Protein backbone atom coordinates (compact mmCIF):
# COMPACT_ATOMS: atom_id res chain seq x y z
CA MET A 1 -54.04 16.94 2.37
CA ALA A 2 -51.92 20.07 2.56
CA ASP A 3 -50.94 22.01 -0.57
CA LEU A 4 -47.24 21.29 -0.80
CA THR A 5 -46.64 23.81 -3.61
CA LEU A 6 -47.25 26.95 -1.54
CA ALA A 7 -43.99 27.13 0.34
CA PRO A 8 -41.02 25.84 -1.67
CA GLN A 9 -38.35 24.54 0.62
CA ARG A 10 -35.65 21.94 0.72
CA PRO A 11 -36.39 18.62 2.49
CA GLY A 12 -35.76 18.93 6.19
CA GLU A 13 -35.86 22.73 6.13
CA PRO A 14 -38.80 24.21 8.06
CA SER A 15 -40.94 26.81 6.29
CA ALA A 16 -41.35 30.33 7.63
CA GLU A 17 -44.24 28.95 9.68
CA GLY A 18 -42.02 26.19 11.15
CA TRP A 19 -43.76 23.42 9.16
CA ASP A 20 -41.63 20.84 7.30
CA ALA A 21 -43.78 19.49 4.46
CA LEU A 22 -41.71 16.36 3.95
CA ARG A 23 -41.69 15.30 7.59
CA ASP A 24 -44.92 16.80 8.95
CA GLU A 25 -47.32 15.72 6.16
CA PRO A 26 -49.30 12.75 7.57
CA GLY A 27 -49.03 10.86 4.27
CA PRO A 28 -51.60 8.76 2.46
CA ASP A 29 -53.88 6.26 4.15
CA THR A 30 -53.31 2.50 4.14
CA VAL A 31 -55.66 1.83 1.23
CA ARG A 32 -53.84 4.29 -1.03
CA CYS A 33 -50.46 2.87 0.02
CA LEU A 34 -51.61 -0.67 -0.75
CA GLY A 35 -52.77 0.57 -4.16
CA LEU A 36 -49.25 1.82 -4.86
CA TYR A 37 -47.63 -1.35 -3.50
CA ALA A 38 -49.85 -3.49 -5.76
CA LYS A 39 -48.20 -1.85 -8.76
CA LEU A 40 -44.72 -2.94 -7.65
CA THR A 41 -43.80 -6.06 -9.60
CA ALA A 42 -41.70 -8.62 -7.74
CA GLY A 43 -40.49 -12.16 -7.95
CA VAL A 44 -42.20 -14.69 -5.70
CA SER A 45 -40.24 -16.72 -3.15
CA VAL A 46 -40.84 -19.04 -0.24
CA VAL A 47 -38.97 -18.37 3.00
CA SER A 48 -38.59 -21.55 5.04
CA ALA A 49 -37.18 -22.46 8.43
CA LEU A 50 -37.52 -25.07 11.15
CA ASP A 51 -39.66 -24.29 14.17
CA ALA A 52 -38.59 -24.97 17.76
CA GLY A 53 -39.76 -28.59 17.37
CA GLY A 54 -37.70 -29.11 14.21
CA ARG A 55 -40.77 -29.06 11.93
CA PRO A 56 -40.63 -27.15 8.63
CA THR A 57 -42.51 -23.89 8.30
CA GLY A 58 -42.63 -21.55 5.34
CA MET A 59 -44.40 -18.61 3.79
CA THR A 60 -44.68 -16.89 0.43
CA VAL A 61 -42.99 -13.49 0.14
CA SER A 62 -42.63 -10.97 -2.65
CA ALA A 63 -40.38 -8.59 -0.70
CA LEU A 64 -36.96 -10.14 -1.28
CA THR A 65 -33.92 -8.39 -2.65
CA SER A 66 -30.18 -8.62 -2.84
CA LEU A 67 -28.49 -6.39 -0.30
CA SER A 68 -24.77 -6.99 -0.82
CA ALA A 69 -22.46 -9.21 -2.87
CA ARG A 70 -19.51 -8.88 -0.45
CA PRO A 71 -20.48 -10.13 2.03
CA PRO A 72 -23.35 -11.98 0.33
CA LEU A 73 -26.53 -10.66 1.98
CA LEU A 74 -30.22 -10.99 1.16
CA LEU A 75 -33.05 -8.90 2.60
CA ALA A 76 -36.54 -10.37 3.08
CA CYS A 77 -39.58 -8.71 4.63
CA LEU A 78 -41.88 -10.94 6.68
CA ARG A 79 -45.18 -10.06 8.31
CA THR A 80 -44.93 -9.42 12.03
CA GLY A 81 -46.32 -12.41 13.92
CA ALA A 82 -45.66 -14.91 11.10
CA ARG A 83 -44.71 -18.39 12.32
CA THR A 84 -41.83 -18.47 9.86
CA LEU A 85 -40.44 -15.23 11.32
CA THR A 86 -40.62 -16.73 14.81
CA ALA A 87 -38.90 -19.91 13.60
CA LEU A 88 -36.04 -18.20 11.79
CA ARG A 89 -35.39 -15.93 14.76
CA HIS A 90 -35.33 -18.97 17.07
CA GLN A 91 -33.11 -21.05 14.79
CA GLY A 92 -30.94 -18.21 13.51
CA ALA A 93 -31.16 -19.50 9.94
CA PHE A 94 -33.58 -19.71 7.00
CA ALA A 95 -33.81 -20.66 3.36
CA ILE A 96 -35.14 -18.79 0.35
CA SER A 97 -36.61 -20.61 -2.66
CA VAL A 98 -37.20 -18.37 -5.70
CA LEU A 99 -40.23 -19.82 -7.50
CA THR A 100 -40.76 -20.62 -11.17
CA GLU A 101 -43.95 -19.84 -13.04
CA ASP A 102 -44.86 -23.55 -12.71
CA GLN A 103 -44.87 -23.26 -8.92
CA ARG A 104 -47.94 -21.02 -8.71
CA PRO A 105 -50.00 -23.63 -6.77
CA GLY A 106 -47.23 -23.94 -4.18
CA ALA A 107 -47.00 -20.15 -3.88
CA SER A 108 -50.71 -20.03 -3.11
CA ARG A 109 -50.48 -22.83 -0.56
CA PHE A 110 -47.53 -21.22 1.27
CA ALA A 111 -49.46 -17.91 1.33
CA ASP A 112 -52.69 -19.42 2.70
CA PRO A 113 -52.90 -18.87 6.50
CA SER A 114 -55.53 -21.64 6.80
CA VAL A 115 -53.00 -24.29 5.68
CA PRO A 116 -51.00 -25.62 8.68
CA PRO A 117 -47.25 -24.91 8.39
CA ALA A 118 -46.08 -28.52 7.93
CA ALA A 119 -48.93 -29.28 5.48
CA ARG A 120 -47.65 -26.55 3.17
CA PHE A 121 -44.79 -28.88 2.27
CA ASP A 122 -47.08 -31.86 1.40
CA GLY A 123 -46.40 -33.03 -2.15
CA VAL A 124 -43.69 -30.41 -2.68
CA PRO A 125 -40.29 -31.82 -3.65
CA VAL A 126 -37.94 -30.62 -0.90
CA GLN A 127 -34.25 -31.10 -0.33
CA HIS A 128 -32.46 -30.29 2.89
CA VAL A 129 -29.40 -28.08 2.63
CA LEU A 130 -27.43 -27.39 5.79
CA GLY A 131 -30.46 -28.77 7.63
CA LEU A 132 -33.02 -26.40 6.08
CA PRO A 133 -35.81 -27.22 3.62
CA VAL A 134 -35.50 -25.73 0.13
CA LEU A 135 -37.92 -26.35 -2.71
CA ALA A 136 -36.08 -28.73 -5.04
CA ASP A 137 -37.61 -27.38 -8.26
CA ALA A 138 -36.99 -23.72 -7.44
CA LEU A 139 -35.53 -21.28 -9.96
CA ALA A 140 -32.85 -20.58 -7.36
CA TRP A 141 -32.38 -21.06 -3.64
CA ALA A 142 -30.19 -19.81 -0.84
CA VAL A 143 -29.58 -20.89 2.73
CA CYS A 144 -28.78 -18.04 5.10
CA VAL A 145 -27.82 -17.38 8.68
CA VAL A 146 -29.68 -14.50 10.28
CA GLN A 147 -27.54 -11.39 10.33
CA ASP A 148 -30.18 -8.94 11.57
CA VAL A 149 -33.93 -8.65 12.20
CA ARG A 150 -35.61 -5.28 12.69
CA PRO A 151 -39.28 -4.29 12.95
CA TYR A 152 -40.67 -1.74 10.50
CA GLY A 153 -44.39 -1.04 10.71
CA ASP A 154 -46.33 -4.29 10.29
CA HIS A 155 -43.34 -6.25 8.94
CA HIS A 156 -39.81 -7.22 9.96
CA ALA A 157 -36.79 -6.76 7.72
CA VAL A 158 -34.64 -9.88 7.89
CA VAL A 159 -31.06 -9.77 6.65
CA GLY A 160 -29.47 -13.12 5.93
CA ARG A 161 -25.86 -13.95 5.13
CA VAL A 162 -25.82 -16.51 2.32
CA ARG A 163 -24.04 -19.77 3.23
CA ALA A 164 -25.11 -21.93 0.27
CA LEU A 165 -26.98 -21.36 -2.98
CA ALA A 166 -27.95 -22.87 -6.31
CA VAL A 167 -29.24 -21.34 -9.52
CA ASN A 168 -31.36 -23.45 -11.86
CA GLY A 169 -33.13 -22.85 -15.17
CA GLY A 170 -36.68 -21.70 -15.72
CA ARG A 171 -38.85 -18.62 -15.76
CA PRO A 172 -39.77 -16.66 -12.61
CA LEU A 173 -43.18 -16.42 -11.02
CA LEU A 174 -44.12 -12.75 -10.59
CA TRP A 175 -46.49 -10.88 -8.26
CA HIS A 176 -48.19 -7.77 -9.62
CA ASP A 177 -51.52 -6.07 -8.95
CA ARG A 178 -52.42 -8.64 -6.26
CA ALA A 179 -52.09 -11.62 -8.63
CA PHE A 180 -49.49 -14.10 -9.90
CA HIS A 181 -48.13 -13.58 -13.40
CA ALA A 182 -45.58 -15.09 -15.77
CA LEU A 183 -43.26 -13.35 -18.18
CA THR A 184 -44.63 -13.16 -21.72
């Protein structure tokens, strides 16, 4: 790794040697990045959609955030190649279910790639809102139409315009240091 303290410069301004530390530094390797990302605490949600055959599909995500209140937009990051990403792109709509600390088993099931998509919903109370499956016992949920989908590295950023939502009581399920946690 280069010594970035030798040539003070403003970001984007090449040094006397023509080297821009901010843009030319190769950055840390994947393992170190994942170590940093593990320290980011996030709420846990399930993104759901209907596949081309009208069957429900869903996956656990921890990369979900509000993007705008006017218009109401949410941003979710889904792994490239995920069936749920394919389904929401095809359908042009998806749902978000923000999970409670009591929904840890469901979060694990929706994150397990060995569980078939439709089987992830087995035994999970679901309601259909505007045709999409939302987890009935969720802390909150939203149904969105796809506003934009863009690839970034090994994930896609999905922006959804909220069309319906509900907020319920409970305590959130959290993801931190590669494990589920509850507020204390």
